[in-house]
Protein backbone atom coordinates (compact mmCIF):
# COMPACT_ATOMS: atom_id res chain seq x y z
CA MET A 1 5.94 -18.47 -6.36
CA LYS A 2 8.01 -21.00 -8.40
CA THR A 3 8.87 -23.53 -6.03
CA ARG A 4 8.26 -20.98 -3.17
CA LYS A 5 4.51 -20.97 3.02
CA THR A 6 2.41 -22.14 5.54
CA THR A 7 -0.47 -21.38 7.84
CA LEU A 8 -0.74 -17.99 9.32
CA LEU A 9 -2.92 -17.79 12.44
CA VAL A 10 -6.26 -16.18 11.65
CA ALA A 11 -5.44 -13.41 14.35
CA THR A 12 -1.91 -12.82 12.72
CA THR A 13 -3.97 -12.38 9.17
CA VAL A 14 -6.27 -9.84 10.74
CA VAL A 15 -3.63 -7.88 12.22
CA LEU A 16 -1.70 -7.66 8.99
CA ALA A 17 -4.54 -7.02 7.06
CA LEU A 18 -5.41 -3.88 9.39
CA GLY A 19 -1.69 -2.85 9.07
CA ALA A 20 -0.80 -3.02 12.73
CA SER A 21 2.68 -2.52 13.68
CA ALA A 22 4.83 -5.62 14.29
CA CYS A 23 8.43 -5.64 16.18
CA GLY A 24 11.20 -6.11 14.22
CA GLY A 25 14.30 -8.28 14.94
CA SER A 26 15.88 -11.54 14.59
CA LYS A 27 14.92 -13.26 17.97
CA ASP A 28 18.11 -15.17 19.64
CA ASP A 29 16.11 -17.08 22.07
CA GLU A 30 14.34 -19.38 19.54
CA GLY A 31 15.06 -22.56 21.73
CA GLY A 32 17.41 -24.02 19.26
CA LYS A 33 20.13 -26.20 20.00
CA GLY A 34 22.98 -27.53 18.28
CA GLY A 35 26.47 -26.49 19.51
CA LYS A 36 29.42 -28.00 17.33
CA GLY A 37 28.60 -30.46 14.53
CA GLY A 38 25.18 -30.83 14.01
CA SER A 39 24.45 -32.29 17.34
CA ALA A 40 20.77 -31.20 17.00
CA ALA A 41 18.24 -34.30 16.15
CA ALA A 42 16.44 -34.63 13.08
CA ASP A 43 13.61 -32.05 12.28
CA ALA A 44 15.32 -29.80 14.94
CA ALA A 45 15.58 -26.75 12.57
CA LEU A 46 11.66 -26.94 12.01
CA THR A 47 11.02 -25.29 15.38
CA SER A 48 14.38 -23.78 16.67
CA VAL A 49 17.58 -22.20 15.26
CA VAL A 50 20.25 -25.10 15.03
CA ASN A 51 23.95 -24.25 15.85
CA LYS A 52 23.37 -20.73 17.15
CA SER A 53 26.17 -18.38 17.00
CA GLU A 54 26.84 -14.66 16.94
CA LYS A 55 30.15 -15.28 15.47
CA LYS A 56 31.05 -13.03 12.63
CA GLY A 57 33.28 -13.97 9.99
CA GLY A 58 33.86 -16.48 7.44
CA THR A 59 32.42 -17.91 4.08
CA VAL A 60 28.78 -18.91 3.66
CA SER A 61 28.88 -20.99 0.36
CA PHE A 62 25.77 -21.92 -1.97
CA GLU A 63 25.34 -24.38 -4.75
CA MET A 64 22.36 -25.46 -6.80
CA SER A 65 21.86 -27.84 -9.63
CA ASP A 66 20.18 -25.27 -11.95
CA GLU A 67 20.59 -21.47 -12.53
CA PRO A 68 18.30 -18.45 -11.43
CA ASP A 69 15.64 -17.03 -13.81
CA SER A 70 17.48 -13.83 -12.34
CA LEU A 71 19.19 -12.43 -9.37
CA ASP A 72 17.71 -9.14 -10.34
CA PRO A 73 15.19 -8.45 -7.48
CA GLY A 74 13.03 -7.18 -9.88
CA ASN A 75 13.13 -9.87 -12.37
CA THR A 76 12.88 -13.07 -10.43
CA TYR A 77 10.09 -15.33 -9.41
CA TYR A 78 11.87 -18.27 -7.95
CA GLY A 79 11.47 -18.76 -4.45
CA TRP A 80 15.17 -19.44 -3.33
CA VAL A 81 16.11 -15.95 -4.91
CA GLN A 82 13.38 -14.13 -3.28
CA ASN A 83 14.98 -15.61 -0.25
CA PHE A 84 18.70 -15.19 -1.33
CA SER A 85 18.02 -11.68 -2.50
CA ARG A 86 17.34 -10.45 0.64
CA LEU A 87 20.96 -10.24 1.35
CA TYR A 88 21.51 -7.42 -0.95
CA GLY A 89 18.07 -6.14 -1.66
CA ARG A 90 15.76 -4.69 1.14
CA THR A 91 12.09 -4.38 0.72
CA LEU A 92 9.32 -2.29 2.30
CA THR A 93 8.62 -5.11 4.39
CA SER A 94 9.90 -8.66 5.12
CA PHE A 95 9.19 -11.89 6.87
CA LYS A 96 10.79 -11.88 10.16
CA PRO A 97 13.95 -14.11 10.00
CA ALA A 98 13.01 -16.43 13.08
CA ALA A 99 12.24 -20.06 13.68
CA GLY A 100 8.66 -21.72 13.33
CA LYS A 101 5.41 -19.80 13.18
CA GLU A 102 7.52 -16.45 14.35
CA GLY A 103 9.06 -16.45 10.56
CA LEU A 104 5.46 -15.87 9.15
CA LYS A 105 5.17 -12.65 10.71
CA VAL A 106 5.76 -9.69 8.46
CA VAL A 107 7.67 -6.62 9.90
CA PRO A 108 8.94 -3.55 8.46
CA ASP A 109 12.17 -3.54 6.41
CA LEU A 110 13.00 -0.45 4.59
CA ALA A 111 9.85 1.11 6.01
CA GLU A 112 9.34 2.50 9.77
CA SER A 113 6.16 0.32 10.25
CA LEU A 114 3.83 -1.79 8.38
CA GLY A 115 1.44 0.13 5.93
CA LYS A 116 -1.12 2.32 6.82
CA PRO A 117 -4.32 1.42 5.05
CA SER A 118 -7.15 3.78 4.34
CA ALA A 119 -10.67 3.07 5.67
CA ASP A 120 -11.50 1.23 2.21
CA ALA A 121 -8.22 -0.57 2.15
CA LYS A 122 -7.88 0.84 -1.34
CA THR A 123 -4.78 3.15 -0.52
CA TRP A 124 -1.68 2.04 1.39
CA THR A 125 1.16 4.34 2.69
CA TYR A 126 4.41 3.82 3.76
CA THR A 127 7.23 5.95 5.54
CA LEU A 128 10.85 4.98 4.91
CA LYS A 129 13.39 4.86 7.66
CA LYS A 130 15.97 7.72 7.80
CA GLY A 131 19.67 6.94 7.00
CA LEU A 132 18.94 4.35 4.35
CA LYS A 133 21.85 4.25 1.67
CA PHE A 134 22.79 2.28 -1.33
CA GLN A 135 26.04 0.71 -1.63
CA ASP A 136 27.76 3.70 -3.03
CA GLY A 137 26.50 5.86 0.02
CA THR A 138 23.78 7.77 -2.08
CA PRO A 139 20.26 7.98 0.05
CA ILE A 140 17.56 5.73 -0.77
CA THR A 141 14.54 7.49 -1.48
CA SER A 142 10.55 6.61 -2.04
CA LYS A 143 11.13 7.16 -5.92
CA ASP A 144 13.74 4.37 -5.97
CA VAL A 145 11.22 2.47 -4.47
CA LYS A 146 8.64 3.57 -6.89
CA TYR A 147 11.06 3.11 -9.87
CA ALA A 148 11.60 -0.55 -8.56
CA VAL A 149 7.95 -1.29 -8.71
CA GLU A 150 7.58 0.53 -12.14
CA ARG A 151 10.54 -1.54 -14.12
CA SER A 152 9.59 -4.81 -12.69
CA ASN A 153 5.77 -4.81 -13.22
CA PHE A 154 5.41 -2.88 -16.36
CA ALA A 155 8.50 -3.91 -18.51
CA PRO A 156 7.96 -7.17 -19.78
CA GLU A 157 9.94 -6.71 -22.94
CA ALA A 158 12.97 -6.37 -20.62
CA LEU A 159 12.00 -7.91 -17.46
CA SER A 160 9.60 -11.04 -17.64
CA ASN A 161 10.15 -13.22 -14.61
CA GLY A 162 8.30 -11.44 -11.92
CA PRO A 163 4.64 -11.44 -10.64
CA THR A 164 2.00 -8.80 -12.09
CA TYR A 165 0.10 -8.01 -8.78
CA PHE A 166 1.31 -4.25 -9.07
CA LYS A 167 0.25 -4.06 -12.70
CA ALA A 168 -3.20 -5.74 -12.17
CA HIS A 169 -4.22 -3.73 -8.83
CA LEU A 170 -2.83 -0.21 -9.28
CA VAL A 171 -5.23 2.23 -10.60
CA GLY A 172 -4.06 2.75 -14.47
CA GLY A 173 -1.94 -0.41 -14.21
CA ASP A 174 -3.41 -1.67 -17.41
CA LYS A 175 -2.56 1.31 -19.37
CA TYR A 176 0.88 2.41 -17.89
CA GLN A 177 3.59 1.28 -20.45
CA GLY A 178 6.53 1.11 -18.11
CA PRO A 179 9.68 3.33 -17.61
CA TYR A 180 11.72 2.10 -20.48
CA LYS A 181 8.75 3.33 -23.23
CA ASP A 182 7.02 6.09 -21.34
CA LYS A 183 9.83 8.78 -20.65
CA ASN A 184 7.88 10.99 -18.42
CA PRO A 185 9.96 10.64 -15.19
CA ALA A 186 7.19 11.11 -13.44
CA GLY A 187 5.72 7.30 -13.81
CA ILE A 188 2.79 5.95 -12.96
CA ALA A 189 0.32 8.27 -11.04
CA SER A 190 -1.11 5.78 -8.77
CA ILE A 191 2.26 5.64 -6.73
CA GLU A 192 2.88 8.70 -5.20
CA THR A 193 6.09 10.05 -3.70
CA PRO A 194 5.34 13.37 -2.14
CA ASP A 195 8.59 13.54 -0.44
CA ASP A 196 11.60 11.42 -0.10
CA THR A 197 10.57 8.97 2.60
CA THR A 198 6.71 8.56 1.67
CA ILE A 199 5.37 6.39 -0.93
CA VAL A 200 1.65 6.08 -1.54
CA PHE A 201 -0.16 3.11 -3.39
CA LYS A 202 -3.64 3.86 -4.73
CA LEU A 203 -5.23 0.77 -5.89
CA LYS A 204 -8.49 0.06 -7.93
CA ASN A 205 -9.73 -2.19 -5.22
CA ALA A 206 -9.28 -3.20 -1.60
CA PHE A 207 -6.31 -5.12 -1.12
CA ALA A 208 -6.11 -6.78 2.30
CA ASP A 209 -2.87 -8.54 1.73
CA PHE A 210 -0.99 -5.63 0.85
CA ASP A 211 1.65 -5.98 3.40
CA TYR A 212 2.48 -9.39 2.18
CA LEU A 213 2.81 -7.88 -1.36
CA ALA A 214 5.22 -5.14 0.02
CA THR A 215 7.90 -8.26 1.04
CA PHE A 216 8.21 -9.15 -2.49
CA SER A 217 11.72 -8.24 -3.85
CA GLN A 218 10.05 -6.04 -6.49
CA THR A 219 10.02 -3.24 -3.81
CA ALA A 220 13.86 -3.40 -3.46
CA PRO A 221 15.00 0.11 -4.68
CA VAL A 222 16.83 0.58 -7.80
CA PRO A 223 18.35 3.94 -8.64
CA ARG A 224 17.29 4.81 -12.22
CA ALA A 225 20.26 5.98 -13.31
CA ALA A 226 21.89 2.62 -12.75
CA ASP A 227 19.18 0.85 -14.56
CA LYS A 228 20.14 -0.89 -17.77
CA GLY A 229 16.99 -3.40 -18.38
CA ALA A 230 17.94 -7.09 -18.54
CA GLU A 231 21.58 -6.03 -18.07
CA TYR A 232 20.98 -4.67 -14.45
CA VAL A 233 21.54 -8.02 -13.03
CA LYS A 234 25.49 -7.73 -14.17
CA HIS A 235 25.65 -4.81 -11.92
CA ILE A 236 22.86 -4.68 -9.15
CA VAL A 237 23.36 -1.85 -6.62
CA SER A 238 23.07 -3.18 -3.23
CA SER A 239 20.74 -1.80 -0.66
CA GLY A 240 21.40 -4.65 1.93
CA PRO A 241 24.29 -5.72 3.84
CA TYR A 242 26.04 -7.49 0.77
CA LYS A 243 27.18 -6.27 -2.45
CA PHE A 244 28.29 -8.27 -5.65
CA SER A 245 32.14 -8.31 -6.20
CA SER A 246 31.45 -10.67 -9.19
CA TYR A 247 28.92 -12.02 -11.39
CA GLU A 248 28.98 -14.49 -14.05
CA GLU A 249 25.86 -15.40 -16.00
CA GLY A 250 24.96 -19.22 -15.68
CA LYS A 251 28.23 -19.85 -13.32
CA GLY A 252 27.68 -17.91 -10.20
CA ALA A 253 28.48 -14.89 -8.26
CA THR A 254 30.50 -13.81 -5.02
CA LEU A 255 29.01 -11.18 -2.41
CA VAL A 256 31.27 -9.23 0.22
CA ARG A 257 30.17 -6.69 2.77
CA ASN A 258 28.58 -3.51 1.76
CA GLU A 259 30.45 -0.73 3.79
CA ASN A 260 27.33 1.38 3.28
CA TRP A 261 24.90 -0.67 4.94
CA ASP A 262 23.95 0.66 8.36
CA ALA A 263 22.85 -2.23 10.87
CA LYS A 264 21.15 0.65 12.95
CA THR A 265 18.33 0.68 10.45
CA ASP A 266 18.08 -2.93 9.85
CA PRO A 267 17.58 -5.07 12.75
CA ILE A 268 16.44 -8.03 10.98
CA ARG A 269 19.71 -8.97 9.32
CA PRO A 270 22.53 -10.09 11.77
CA ALA A 271 25.08 -10.27 8.61
CA LEU A 272 27.49 -12.81 9.96
CA PRO A 273 29.59 -13.95 7.28
CA ASP A 274 32.27 -11.84 5.42
CA LYS A 275 31.67 -13.65 2.05
CA ILE A 276 29.06 -15.41 0.35
CA THR A 277 29.67 -17.57 -2.65
CA VAL A 278 26.83 -18.98 -4.94
CA ARG A 279 27.44 -21.56 -7.88
CA PHE A 280 25.06 -22.64 -10.40
CA GLY A 281 24.76 -25.83 -12.72
CA VAL A 282 26.14 -28.36 -9.92
CA LYS A 283 24.98 -31.52 -10.40
CA GLN A 284 22.56 -32.36 -7.34
CA GLU A 285 24.33 -35.42 -6.32
CA THR A 286 27.52 -33.66 -6.16
CA VAL A 287 25.79 -30.69 -4.19
CA ASP A 288 24.46 -33.43 -1.86
CA ALA A 289 27.93 -34.89 -1.62
CA ASN A 290 29.60 -31.56 -0.42
CA LEU A 291 26.66 -31.27 2.23
CA ILE A 292 27.59 -34.37 3.46
CA SER A 293 31.27 -33.95 3.43
CA ASP A 294 31.02 -30.44 5.19
CA ASN A 295 32.68 -28.85 1.98
CA LEU A 296 29.25 -26.63 1.26
CA THR A 297 27.11 -24.59 3.60
CA VAL A 298 23.72 -24.81 2.12
CA ASP A 299 22.04 -26.14 -1.17
CA GLY A 300 20.58 -23.12 -2.46
CA ALA A 301 17.59 -24.47 -4.36
CA GLY A 302 16.00 -25.43 -0.65
CA THR A 303 14.11 -28.47 -2.50
CA GLY A 304 16.03 -31.14 -0.84
CA VAL A 305 18.49 -34.05 -1.67
CA ALA A 306 18.14 -36.13 -4.98
CA PRO A 307 16.25 -39.15 -4.84
CA ALA A 308 19.45 -41.11 -5.20
CA THR A 309 20.83 -39.45 -2.31
CA GLN A 310 17.80 -39.81 -0.11
CA PRO A 311 18.47 -43.60 1.29
CA LYS A 312 21.75 -42.75 2.06
CA VAL A 313 20.79 -40.08 4.19
CA LEU A 314 17.88 -41.69 5.89
CA THR A 315 19.52 -44.92 6.86
CA ASP A 316 22.88 -43.76 8.28
CA PRO A 317 21.99 -42.53 11.91
CA LYS A 318 24.41 -39.56 11.84
CA LEU A 319 23.35 -37.85 8.70
CA LYS A 320 19.75 -38.35 9.45
CA LYS A 321 20.31 -36.13 12.57
CA GLN A 322 21.43 -33.60 10.03
CA THR A 323 18.13 -33.52 8.24
CA ASP A 324 14.87 -31.55 8.15
CA ASN A 325 11.81 -32.41 6.42
CA PRO A 326 9.57 -29.40 6.48
CA TYR A 327 6.28 -29.28 4.35
CA ALA A 328 6.92 -26.55 1.68
CA GLY A 329 3.35 -25.19 1.58
CA ALA A 330 3.90 -25.88 -2.13
CA THR A 331 2.11 -28.30 -4.52
CA SER A 332 3.64 -29.92 -7.38
CA TYR A 333 1.24 -30.44 -10.36
CA ILE A 334 0.73 -30.74 -14.34
CA GLY A 335 -0.79 -27.57 -16.27
CA LEU A 336 -2.93 -28.69 -19.05
CA ASN A 337 -2.66 -26.21 -21.33
CA VAL A 338 -6.43 -25.01 -22.97
CA ASN A 339 -4.94 -23.66 -25.88
CA VAL A 340 -3.19 -26.93 -27.17
CA ALA A 341 -5.47 -29.69 -28.54
CA PRO A 342 -6.81 -31.78 -27.22
CA PHE A 343 -6.72 -30.01 -24.03
CA ASN A 344 -9.17 -27.61 -25.08
CA ASN A 345 -11.86 -30.26 -24.49
CA ILE A 346 -12.67 -30.61 -21.02
CA GLU A 347 -13.13 -34.34 -21.12
CA CYS A 348 -9.79 -34.89 -22.64
CA ARG A 349 -8.62 -33.02 -19.30
CA LYS A 350 -10.67 -35.23 -17.29
CA ALA A 351 -9.33 -38.44 -18.86
CA VAL A 352 -5.81 -37.39 -17.54
CA GLN A 353 -7.49 -36.57 -13.97
CA TRP A 354 -9.07 -40.05 -13.91
CA GLY A 355 -6.31 -42.01 -15.39
CA LEU A 356 -3.13 -40.80 -13.59
CA ASP A 357 -1.70 -43.22 -10.94
CA LYS A 358 -0.21 -40.57 -8.15
CA ALA A 359 0.87 -43.19 -6.03
CA SER A 360 3.51 -43.90 -8.75
CA VAL A 361 4.44 -40.55 -9.14
CA GLN A 362 4.83 -39.85 -5.32
CA ALA A 363 7.15 -43.01 -5.33
CA ALA A 364 9.19 -41.82 -8.05
CA ALA A 365 9.83 -38.43 -6.34
CA GLY A 366 11.39 -40.28 -3.20
CA GLY A 367 8.18 -41.32 -1.25
CA ASP A 368 6.59 -40.00 1.83
CA PRO A 369 9.71 -37.80 2.68
CA LYS A 370 9.09 -35.71 -0.67
CA GLY A 371 5.23 -35.09 -0.01
CA ASP A 372 1.84 -36.40 0.26
CA VAL A 373 -0.47 -37.08 -2.55
CA ALA A 374 -2.35 -33.91 -3.67
CA SER A 375 -6.14 -33.46 -4.49
CA THR A 376 -6.29 -29.55 -4.35
CA LEU A 377 -3.97 -26.95 -5.80
CA ILE A 378 -3.98 -24.96 -2.16
CA PRO A 379 -1.77 -27.34 0.29
CA PRO A 380 -3.25 -27.92 3.85
CA SER A 381 -0.90 -25.59 5.26
CA VAL A 382 -2.03 -22.47 3.57
CA ALA A 383 -4.75 -20.44 5.02
CA GLY A 384 -8.03 -20.91 2.66
CA TYR A 385 -7.49 -24.55 1.85
CA SER A 386 -10.42 -26.50 1.85
CA LYS A 387 -10.24 -30.49 1.49
CA PHE A 388 -11.96 -31.97 -1.43
CA ASN A 389 -11.32 -34.49 -4.19
CA LEU A 390 -13.29 -34.47 -7.57
CA TYR A 391 -11.01 -37.06 -8.85
CA GLU A 392 -10.76 -39.71 -6.22
CA THR A 393 -9.64 -43.36 -6.85
CA ALA A 394 -8.65 -46.12 -4.88
CA GLY A 395 -5.17 -45.92 -3.32
CA ASN A 396 -4.65 -42.70 -5.78
CA LYS A 397 -3.85 -45.35 -8.28
CA GLY A 398 -6.19 -43.68 -10.99
CA ASP A 399 -9.35 -45.48 -12.64
CA GLU A 400 -8.80 -46.87 -15.98
CA ALA A 401 -12.74 -47.30 -16.56
CA LYS A 402 -13.78 -43.79 -16.13
CA ALA A 403 -10.54 -42.63 -17.54
CA LYS A 404 -11.56 -44.50 -20.92
CA ALA A 405 -15.15 -43.17 -20.57
CA ALA A 406 -13.78 -39.57 -20.79
CA LEU A 407 -11.54 -40.41 -23.80
CA ALA A 408 -14.66 -41.50 -25.68
CA LYS A 409 -16.28 -38.31 -24.74
CA CYS A 410 -13.79 -36.08 -26.29
CA GLY A 411 -13.42 -38.14 -29.36
CA HIS A 412 -10.39 -40.18 -28.59
CA PRO A 413 -11.53 -43.32 -27.40
CA ASN A 414 -8.15 -44.87 -28.43
CA GLY A 415 -6.13 -42.13 -26.59
CA PHE A 416 -3.95 -39.70 -28.19
CA LYS A 417 -0.49 -38.28 -28.17
CA THR A 418 0.84 -35.16 -26.60
CA ASN A 419 4.27 -33.45 -25.12
CA LEU A 420 4.99 -33.46 -21.42
CA SER A 421 7.55 -30.71 -20.27
CA ALA A 422 9.90 -30.74 -17.21
CA ARG A 423 12.96 -29.24 -16.12
CA SER A 424 16.13 -31.29 -16.99
CA ASP A 425 18.16 -30.55 -14.16
CA ARG A 426 15.63 -31.31 -11.46
CA PRO A 427 16.04 -34.96 -10.99
CA SER A 428 12.94 -35.48 -8.73
CA GLU A 429 10.81 -33.67 -11.36
CA MET A 430 11.86 -35.76 -14.19
CA ALA A 431 11.47 -38.79 -12.19
CA MET A 432 7.51 -37.86 -11.65
CA ALA A 433 7.31 -37.21 -15.45
CA THR A 434 8.69 -40.44 -16.26
CA ALA A 435 6.29 -42.25 -13.84
CA VAL A 436 3.28 -40.00 -15.38
CA GLN A 437 4.32 -41.01 -18.79
CA ALA A 438 4.18 -44.70 -17.67
CA SER A 439 0.80 -44.21 -16.09
CA LEU A 440 -1.06 -42.32 -18.96
CA LYS A 441 0.48 -44.90 -21.39
CA LYS A 442 -2.11 -47.55 -19.91
CA ILE A 443 -5.07 -45.68 -20.92
CA GLY A 444 -3.82 -44.77 -24.31
CA ILE A 445 -2.24 -41.18 -23.81
CA GLU A 446 1.14 -41.11 -25.01
CA ALA A 447 3.39 -38.40 -23.72
CA GLU A 448 6.60 -37.63 -24.83
CA ILE A 449 8.99 -35.88 -22.39
CA LYS A 450 10.45 -32.77 -23.46
CA SER A 451 13.12 -31.59 -20.90
CA PHE A 452 14.52 -28.22 -20.48
CA PRO A 453 16.91 -26.16 -18.00
CA ALA A 454 15.25 -25.07 -15.02
CA GLY A 455 16.78 -21.30 -15.22
CA LYS A 456 14.88 -20.45 -18.54
CA TYR A 457 12.09 -23.02 -18.00
CA PHE A 458 9.15 -20.51 -17.80
CA GLN A 459 10.98 -17.37 -19.51
CA ASN A 460 11.45 -19.38 -22.91
CA PHE A 461 9.59 -22.70 -22.86
CA ALA A 462 6.82 -23.36 -20.40
CA GLY A 463 5.61 -20.26 -19.43
CA ASN A 464 5.79 -18.77 -22.92
CA PRO A 465 2.63 -19.17 -24.90
CA SER A 466 4.08 -19.03 -28.15
CA TYR A 467 6.75 -21.77 -27.61
CA VAL A 468 4.14 -23.70 -25.98
CA LYS A 469 1.56 -23.59 -28.74
CA ALA A 470 4.12 -23.98 -31.62
CA ASN A 471 5.81 -27.21 -29.79
CA LYS A 472 2.25 -28.54 -28.59
CA LEU A 473 3.51 -28.64 -24.92
CA GLY A 474 0.07 -29.75 -23.51
CA MET A 475 1.20 -31.01 -20.32
CA ILE A 476 3.53 -28.94 -18.01
CA MET A 477 5.18 -30.16 -15.07
CA THR A 478 5.41 -27.48 -12.43
CA ALA A 479 5.42 -26.56 -8.74
CA TRP A 480 4.08 -23.64 -6.75
CA GLY A 481 4.30 -22.04 -3.28
CA ALA A 482 2.33 -19.27 -2.14
CA ASP A 483 3.93 -16.07 -2.54
CA TRP A 484 2.34 -15.19 0.92
CA PRO A 485 0.62 -17.95 3.09
CA THR A 486 -2.89 -17.04 2.25
CA GLY A 487 -5.16 -18.48 -0.66
CA PHE A 488 -4.96 -15.58 -2.99
CA GLY A 489 -1.12 -15.48 -2.58
CA PHE A 490 -1.04 -18.90 -3.70
CA LEU A 491 -3.43 -19.03 -6.43
CA ASP A 492 -3.57 -15.58 -8.33
CA GLN A 493 -0.61 -15.81 -10.42
CA ILE A 494 -1.14 -19.33 -11.53
CA ILE A 495 -5.06 -19.23 -12.23
CA ASN A 496 -5.74 -15.40 -13.01
CA GLY A 497 -6.20 -14.36 -16.63
CA SER A 498 -4.18 -11.26 -15.72
CA ALA A 499 -1.21 -13.26 -15.09
CA ILE A 500 -0.77 -14.53 -18.42
CA LYS A 501 2.47 -12.85 -20.41
CA PRO A 502 4.38 -13.20 -23.28
CA SER A 503 7.02 -14.99 -21.38
CA GLY A 504 7.99 -15.95 -17.92
CA GLY A 505 4.53 -16.70 -16.97
CA ASN A 506 3.09 -19.04 -14.32
CA ASN A 507 -0.48 -19.43 -15.61
CA VAL A 508 1.07 -22.36 -17.72
CA GLN A 509 -2.48 -23.70 -18.43
CA GLU A 510 -3.23 -20.51 -20.02
CA LEU A 511 -6.45 -20.28 -17.89
CA ASN A 512 -8.58 -17.28 -18.19
CA ASP A 513 -11.94 -17.92 -17.43
CA PRO A 514 -14.13 -14.62 -16.47
CA ALA A 515 -15.79 -16.24 -13.62
CA ILE A 516 -12.69 -17.59 -11.72
CA ASN A 517 -10.88 -14.13 -12.47
CA LYS A 518 -13.78 -12.46 -10.88
CA MET A 519 -13.88 -14.68 -7.81
CA LEU A 520 -10.47 -13.69 -7.41
CA ASN A 521 -10.84 -9.97 -7.38
CA GLU A 522 -13.82 -10.14 -5.21
CA GLY A 523 -12.09 -12.21 -2.79
CA ILE A 524 -9.16 -10.30 -2.29
CA ALA A 525 -11.51 -7.10 -1.83
CA THR A 526 -13.11 -8.75 0.86
CA THR A 527 -11.87 -7.52 4.17
CA ASP A 528 -13.56 -10.21 6.49
CA THR A 529 -10.81 -12.83 7.19
CA ALA A 530 -13.13 -16.00 7.36
CA ALA A 531 -15.20 -14.81 4.48
CA ARG A 532 -12.26 -14.27 2.39
CA GLU A 533 -10.49 -17.79 3.14
CA LYS A 534 -14.01 -19.47 2.31
CA ILE A 535 -13.56 -18.07 -1.31
CA TRP A 536 -10.16 -19.19 -1.78
CA GLY A 537 -11.53 -22.86 -1.15
CA GLU A 538 -14.40 -22.09 -3.60
CA VAL A 539 -12.05 -20.81 -6.21
CA ASP A 540 -9.84 -23.79 -5.90
CA LYS A 541 -12.90 -26.24 -6.62
CA ALA A 542 -13.96 -24.28 -9.53
CA VAL A 543 -10.38 -24.59 -11.09
CA ALA A 544 -10.56 -28.42 -10.33
CA GLU A 545 -13.85 -28.77 -11.95
CA GLY A 546 -12.39 -27.41 -15.00
CA GLY A 547 -9.64 -29.98 -15.05
CA THR A 548 -6.93 -27.63 -16.12
CA ALA A 549 -4.41 -28.53 -13.39
CA VAL A 550 -3.83 -31.92 -12.24
CA PRO A 551 -2.33 -31.62 -8.42
CA LEU A 552 0.31 -34.44 -7.54
CA LEU A 553 2.27 -33.90 -4.41
CA TYR A 554 1.85 -31.50 -1.35
CA ARG A 555 5.70 -31.10 -1.28
CA LYS A 556 8.06 -31.65 1.42
CA ASN A 557 11.73 -30.93 1.55
CA LEU A 558 14.49 -33.49 2.71
CA LEU A 559 16.97 -30.88 3.64
CA LEU A 560 20.49 -31.52 5.06
CA ARG A 561 22.42 -29.20 7.15
CA PRO A 562 25.97 -29.37 7.10
CA ALA A 563 28.11 -29.68 10.72
CA SER A 564 29.82 -26.30 10.07
CA ALA A 565 26.54 -24.35 8.98
CA THR A 566 25.17 -21.86 12.08
CA ASN A 567 21.77 -20.54 12.64
CA VAL A 568 20.18 -22.87 10.65
CA THR A 569 16.39 -22.72 10.67
CA VAL A 570 13.59 -23.69 8.30
CA SER A 571 11.52 -20.70 6.97
CA GLU A 572 7.96 -21.36 6.37
CA ALA A 573 7.67 -18.14 4.61
CA TYR A 574 10.08 -19.36 2.12
CA LEU A 575 8.80 -22.73 0.69
CA GLY A 576 10.15 -24.56 3.83
CA MET A 577 14.02 -23.72 2.97
CA TYR A 578 16.31 -22.56 5.37
CA ASP A 579 16.37 -18.89 6.24
CA TYR A 580 19.46 -17.20 4.42
CA LEU A 581 19.35 -14.06 5.98
CA LEU A 582 20.46 -15.94 9.41
CA MET A 583 23.00 -18.42 8.32
CA GLY A 584 26.67 -18.37 9.03
CA SER A 585 29.41 -20.58 8.97
CA ALA A 586 31.77 -21.88 11.73
CA LYS A 587 34.54 -22.34 8.78
């Protein structure tokens, strides 16, 4: 997920893979402390709920430096939107809002229980709870969930931002044209709705992780009559405890209580605040200042304070107590696009791998509080991680001799020029890009930085193959967190050829290696957990051997919780940001 989890215990993975039931509900005994004014210690929210409260009312306010790809649950891939959209979009299953490892459990949401798989794990069946309603009071049916999946996966001409798992794995997914082109109201045949509460998914292959996939916002129901394609974001129909009272593209939104949400059907959402506000495009340093002065509840992006703010926060004892520094289950890396010369040559890719001073990139990002130097795509916290380093250098400072040898092999002994893209409104990423540029200049590679707004970064620029090729974006700064905490949930959408899209794609390398694609598909069809996890490490190593992705950092977030924020806990399922379903405000 775009800068979106952590290790799930093998036993839990096995239970979920078999579709066993799990208890819902948000526990109120997570061991949190806090009381008033953020009196908890630093990192308290990593394992507990800080500043617990059951008090209803008040306003929870969000700000962020960029804007979303979309707040439409069917047209988003940003981790913070996946987290935030649970306030107004309920899904078949959900990650449990709870502290620590409890937050990695998948529990039923719209569904009565976790999915019931067939013996071969190719068919998954869910039964919806009774009494579910949209904001206008009309019943939510299985057909609304089916339609949501169809519009989100099969209409890239209108909704290009989300993942493509359903399209890749449903029977007939490669042929179905989507609800806007295919006017047959029956839709794709491999999603069956025999009655208003039953939905059945028929897959090409076994898919042991399907309950994880059902947590995605793409299963949040959408009434066909209300859908206006890309314009739906302006009038989203809520299935959760909050509905939109206003929305301004690029500026922000306000949410208020949805009177037709029934808490009896939804034990995982406490729905404490009366109102939720969100503002986009606020300079990161301003967001940080508002958190420090307690004029803001949460930095919605969840990636931590700006490098310029970090020293102040860490050297002030009072502010340091209000920080949490979790691993994000995410990796920052550079994608080397194989369709942009000279990165169509493996030796030119290896020159970057050997020549890059990763220690300088880590320092530019903010040092240890922002993450550890990476050597793999899968981070150590995700099931399937395998420790290796094919391009190991002393002190992670690069090896000039090996880099120049690779340059000679690829026909550019004196180096070459290329373009390096990064997100203009992410100070840490821009600082990292500048360090990359300086590092590679030492071996003769001149990388000109091209910066773009985060909200449209993948849709219009870095994830748009036509733009990438036309503008020769050979090197693309990006970050990725697991869609769910397994190797497949981490790797598939960034290295599988089937994930390459006309726009909004995340396979920024445009890697389409038949052997790697096959390993991915065979891996997810492997029902033995240990064997499946071993495959993910092998896939990661195969990508490293091709040199198309340059791992930079296993990311950490330096989060700041203001004194008035209540029920604050880090969600390991959502990129190490705070769990937005639980949060309230004492103001």
